[in-house]
N, C-alpha and C. Protein backbone atom coordinates (compact mmCIF):
# COMPACT_ATOMS: atom_id res chain seq x y z
N MET A 1 -20.46 50.64 -15.63
CA MET A 1 -20.01 51.22 -14.13
C MET A 1 -19.90 52.79 -14.15
N ASN A 2 -20.28 53.21 -12.85
CA ASN A 2 -20.60 54.70 -12.49
C ASN A 2 -19.06 55.22 -12.35
N LYS A 3 -18.90 56.26 -12.62
CA LYS A 3 -17.78 56.96 -12.73
C LYS A 3 -17.70 57.49 -11.07
N ILE A 4 -16.54 57.82 -9.70
CA ILE A 4 -16.33 58.03 -9.11
C ILE A 4 -16.05 59.46 -8.80
N LYS A 5 -17.21 60.17 -8.57
CA LYS A 5 -17.32 61.59 -8.36
C LYS A 5 -16.15 62.20 -7.09
N VAL A 6 -15.11 62.70 -7.84
CA VAL A 6 -14.18 63.06 -7.01
C VAL A 6 -14.06 65.24 -7.25
N GLU A 7 -14.18 65.57 -5.95
CA GLU A 7 -14.43 66.87 -6.41
C GLU A 7 -12.85 68.04 -5.43
N ALA A 8 -12.35 68.73 -5.74
CA ALA A 8 -11.18 69.32 -5.61
C ALA A 8 -11.33 70.50 -5.07
N PHE A 9 -11.02 70.82 -4.00
CA PHE A 9 -11.08 72.63 -3.48
C PHE A 9 -10.23 73.04 -3.04
N LEU A 10 -9.84 74.34 -3.97
CA LEU A 10 -8.43 74.70 -4.02
C LEU A 10 -8.66 76.39 -3.79
N SER A 11 -7.35 76.71 -2.75
CA SER A 11 -7.83 78.35 -2.51
C SER A 11 -7.50 78.91 -3.64
N VAL A 12 -7.60 80.70 -3.18
CA VAL A 12 -7.10 81.47 -4.08
C VAL A 12 -6.44 82.51 -3.54
N PRO A 13 -5.21 82.95 -3.72
CA PRO A 13 -4.71 82.25 -4.63
C PRO A 13 -4.14 81.08 -4.29
N THR A 14 -3.70 80.50 -5.56
CA THR A 14 -3.50 78.64 -4.99
C THR A 14 -2.01 78.71 -3.95
N CYS A 15 -2.05 77.63 -3.32
CA CYS A 15 -1.02 77.44 -2.42
C CYS A 15 0.06 76.45 -2.91
N SER A 16 0.98 76.38 -2.34
CA SER A 16 1.74 75.11 -2.76
C SER A 16 0.73 73.54 -2.57
N GLY A 17 0.37 73.58 -1.78
CA GLY A 17 -0.53 72.17 -1.49
C GLY A 17 -1.56 72.09 -2.55
N GLY A 18 -2.17 73.35 -3.04
CA GLY A 18 -3.04 73.17 -4.58
C GLY A 18 -2.44 72.90 -5.79
N VAL A 19 -0.93 73.69 -5.62
CA VAL A 19 -0.18 72.91 -6.82
C VAL A 19 -0.28 71.59 -6.60
N GLY A 20 0.23 71.09 -5.78
CA GLY A 20 0.54 69.65 -5.72
C GLY A 20 -1.08 69.05 -6.01
N LEU A 21 -1.46 69.34 -5.45
CA LEU A 21 -3.05 68.71 -5.51
C LEU A 21 -3.62 68.53 -7.26
N SER A 22 -3.08 69.83 -8.00
CA SER A 22 -3.75 69.81 -9.48
C SER A 22 -2.88 68.98 -9.67
N LYS A 23 -1.38 68.69 -9.65
CA LYS A 23 -0.94 67.88 -10.45
C LYS A 23 -0.75 66.32 -10.13
N LEU A 24 -1.21 66.29 -8.94
CA LEU A 24 -1.94 64.42 -8.65
C LEU A 24 -2.88 64.22 -9.21
N LEU A 25 -3.98 65.09 -9.54
CA LEU A 25 -5.39 64.84 -9.78
C LEU A 25 -4.98 64.40 -11.45
N SER A 26 -3.87 65.21 -12.20
CA SER A 26 -4.08 65.01 -13.33
C SER A 26 -3.22 63.70 -13.51
N GLU A 27 -2.49 63.26 -12.72
CA GLU A 27 -1.76 62.04 -13.05
C GLU A 27 -3.54 61.15 -12.46
N ILE A 28 -3.96 60.86 -11.74
CA ILE A 28 -5.21 60.15 -11.38
C ILE A 28 -6.30 60.23 -12.62
N GLU A 29 -6.28 61.32 -13.18
CA GLU A 29 -7.31 61.25 -14.12
C GLU A 29 -6.21 60.76 -15.80
N GLU A 30 -4.97 60.64 -15.51
CA GLU A 30 -4.47 59.99 -16.59
C GLU A 30 -4.74 58.74 -16.78
N GLU A 31 -4.37 57.89 -15.48
CA GLU A 31 -4.69 56.33 -15.10
C GLU A 31 -6.30 55.96 -14.72
N TYR A 32 -6.93 56.41 -14.28
CA TYR A 32 -8.20 56.59 -14.47
C TYR A 32 -9.53 57.13 -14.71
N GLY A 33 -8.87 57.47 -16.09
CA GLY A 33 -10.03 58.53 -15.92
C GLY A 33 -11.63 58.17 -16.63
N ASP A 34 -11.37 56.76 -16.59
CA ASP A 34 -12.50 56.54 -17.73
C ASP A 34 -13.23 56.05 -16.08
N LYS A 35 -12.97 56.32 -15.09
CA LYS A 35 -13.14 55.28 -13.58
C LYS A 35 -13.69 56.59 -12.70
N VAL A 36 -13.32 57.80 -13.19
CA VAL A 36 -13.41 59.04 -11.96
C VAL A 36 -13.75 60.60 -12.42
N GLU A 37 -14.43 61.02 -12.19
CA GLU A 37 -15.25 61.85 -12.81
C GLU A 37 -14.77 63.56 -11.91
N LEU A 38 -13.75 63.78 -12.16
CA LEU A 38 -12.77 65.06 -11.82
C LEU A 38 -13.48 66.35 -11.77
N ILE A 39 -13.51 67.23 -10.37
CA ILE A 39 -14.18 68.36 -10.38
C ILE A 39 -13.81 69.25 -9.71
N THR A 40 -13.04 70.46 -10.47
CA THR A 40 -11.84 71.20 -9.48
C THR A 40 -12.49 72.51 -9.23
N TYR A 41 -12.92 72.82 -7.82
CA TYR A 41 -13.42 74.25 -7.40
C TYR A 41 -11.97 74.99 -6.95
N ARG A 42 -12.12 76.33 -7.55
CA ARG A 42 -11.14 77.23 -7.09
C ARG A 42 -11.88 78.33 -6.30
N GLY A 43 -11.30 78.70 -4.89
CA GLY A 43 -12.22 79.56 -4.35
C GLY A 43 -13.24 78.92 -3.14
N ARG A 44 -13.87 79.34 -2.14
CA ARG A 44 -14.62 79.13 -1.36
C ARG A 44 -16.19 79.31 -2.19
N ASN A 45 -17.13 78.27 -2.19
CA ASN A 45 -18.40 78.30 -3.05
C ASN A 45 -19.49 77.91 -1.92
N GLU A 46 -20.58 77.58 -2.65
CA GLU A 46 -21.30 77.20 -1.66
C GLU A 46 -21.23 75.78 -1.28
N LEU A 47 -20.33 74.97 -2.25
CA LEU A 47 -20.33 73.30 -2.12
C LEU A 47 -19.21 73.26 -0.80
N PHE A 48 -18.60 74.72 -0.79
CA PHE A 48 -17.04 74.10 0.29
C PHE A 48 -17.98 74.25 1.59
N GLU A 49 -19.17 75.62 1.82
CA GLU A 49 -20.03 75.75 3.13
C GLU A 49 -20.68 74.29 3.33
N LYS A 50 -21.52 73.68 2.01
CA LYS A 50 -22.15 72.67 2.22
C LYS A 50 -21.46 71.10 2.54
N TYR A 51 -20.42 71.91 2.31
CA TYR A 51 -19.60 70.14 2.84
C TYR A 51 -18.88 70.69 4.58
N GLY A 52 -18.95 71.58 4.86
CA GLY A 52 -18.38 71.97 6.11
C GLY A 52 -17.01 72.45 5.89
N LEU A 53 -16.38 72.26 4.89
CA LEU A 53 -14.78 72.60 4.81
C LEU A 53 -14.36 73.84 5.72
N SER A 54 -12.90 73.56 6.09
CA SER A 54 -12.31 74.78 7.24
C SER A 54 -11.20 74.84 6.24
N ALA A 55 -10.29 74.13 5.42
CA ALA A 55 -9.08 74.45 5.17
C ALA A 55 -8.74 73.87 3.70
N ALA A 56 -8.37 74.52 2.90
CA ALA A 56 -7.88 74.09 1.57
C ALA A 56 -6.78 73.74 1.11
N PRO A 57 -6.06 73.13 0.21
CA PRO A 57 -6.92 72.25 -0.55
C PRO A 57 -8.15 70.73 0.24
N ALA A 58 -8.89 70.71 -0.56
CA ALA A 58 -9.74 69.95 0.06
C ALA A 58 -10.11 68.63 -0.98
N VAL A 59 -10.06 67.60 -0.64
CA VAL A 59 -10.77 66.36 -1.45
C VAL A 59 -12.01 65.77 -0.75
N VAL A 60 -13.38 65.71 -1.79
CA VAL A 60 -14.64 65.24 -1.08
C VAL A 60 -14.58 64.35 -2.63
N ILE A 61 -14.61 63.15 -2.02
CA ILE A 61 -15.07 61.74 -2.76
C ILE A 61 -16.13 61.02 -2.54
N GLY A 62 -17.24 60.96 -3.21
CA GLY A 62 -18.38 60.58 -3.45
C GLY A 62 -19.28 61.38 -2.19
N GLU A 63 -19.51 62.15 -1.82
CA GLU A 63 -19.64 63.41 -1.01
C GLU A 63 -19.50 63.09 0.81
N LEU A 64 -17.81 62.23 0.65
CA LEU A 64 -17.33 62.27 1.86
C LEU A 64 -15.79 62.95 1.90
N ILE A 65 -15.64 63.90 2.70
CA ILE A 65 -14.52 64.44 3.20
C ILE A 65 -13.11 63.91 3.16
N LYS A 66 -12.81 63.61 2.34
CA LYS A 66 -11.19 62.50 2.19
C LYS A 66 -9.93 62.98 2.80
N ILE A 67 -9.75 64.53 2.23
CA ILE A 67 -8.35 64.97 2.36
C ILE A 67 -8.86 66.84 2.70
N MET A 68 -8.16 67.16 3.71
CA MET A 68 -8.82 68.60 3.91
C MET A 68 -6.89 69.37 4.59
N GLY A 69 -7.06 70.39 3.66
CA GLY A 69 -5.49 71.08 4.36
C GLY A 69 -4.46 70.90 4.16
N LEU A 70 -4.13 69.66 3.27
CA LEU A 70 -2.86 69.39 2.65
C LEU A 70 -3.19 68.78 1.32
N CYS A 71 -1.66 68.64 0.74
CA CYS A 71 -1.96 67.86 -0.34
C CYS A 71 -1.42 66.21 -0.14
N PRO A 72 -2.19 65.51 -0.42
CA PRO A 72 -1.88 63.80 -0.42
C PRO A 72 -0.97 63.17 -0.56
N SER A 73 -0.40 62.01 -0.49
CA SER A 73 0.57 61.64 -1.31
C SER A 73 -0.26 60.92 -2.62
N LYS A 74 -0.13 60.31 -3.28
CA LYS A 74 -0.76 59.52 -4.75
C LYS A 74 -1.50 58.11 -3.54
N GLN A 75 -0.45 57.82 -2.95
CA GLN A 75 -1.06 56.50 -2.41
C GLN A 75 -2.24 56.80 -1.52
N SER A 76 -2.52 57.75 -0.83
CA SER A 76 -3.19 58.30 0.33
C SER A 76 -4.63 58.54 -0.67
N LEU A 77 -4.08 59.15 -1.68
CA LEU A 77 -5.33 59.22 -2.53
C LEU A 77 -6.14 58.06 -3.30
N LEU A 78 -5.39 57.51 -3.68
CA LEU A 78 -5.76 55.90 -4.18
C LEU A 78 -6.03 55.15 -3.13
N ALA A 79 -5.58 55.15 -1.58
CA ALA A 79 -6.29 54.26 -0.89
C ALA A 79 -7.92 55.16 -0.61
N ALA A 80 -8.17 56.31 -0.53
CA ALA A 80 -9.44 56.65 -0.17
C ALA A 80 -10.42 56.16 -1.49
N LEU A 81 -9.67 56.69 -2.80
CA LEU A 81 -10.60 55.95 -3.99
C LEU A 81 -11.15 54.51 -3.73
N LEU A 82 -10.11 53.51 -3.56
CA LEU A 82 -10.22 52.27 -3.61
C LEU A 82 -11.25 51.79 -2.38
N GLU A 83 -11.50 52.80 -1.35
CA GLU A 83 -12.11 52.64 -0.13
C GLU A 83 -13.72 52.81 -0.53
N VAL A 84 -14.16 54.00 -1.78
CA VAL A 84 -15.18 54.13 -2.00
C VAL A 84 -15.31 53.42 -3.13
N GLY A 85 -14.57 52.53 -3.89
CA GLY A 85 -15.24 51.45 -4.69
C GLY A 85 -14.43 51.55 -6.19
N LEU A 86 -13.27 52.22 -5.84
CA LEU A 86 -12.77 52.28 -7.29
C LEU A 86 -12.00 50.76 -7.48
N GLU A 87 -12.23 50.49 -9.03
CA GLU A 87 -11.61 48.92 -9.25
C GLU A 87 -10.28 49.14 -10.24
N GLN A 88 -8.95 48.85 -9.92
CA GLN A 88 -7.95 49.04 -10.28
C GLN A 88 -7.70 48.16 -11.81
């Protein structure tokens, strides 16, 4: 099975939402590390522009913008992962 690509975009300096998202992604990696590929970017980059993001933190799953401008709850992030095919 292919891993689901999860890209997280954090601001520099990191805001409280970015700190929360970092902790949440660590939990997700611990629980689903064999099923997800987590990539974290800090600051604006070419992918931030490519995806048309306007706020950080943001989460892109499988090239679809799922969360932007806030740290989601764990339930919301899991729902987004299930929506793109995560098997529990």
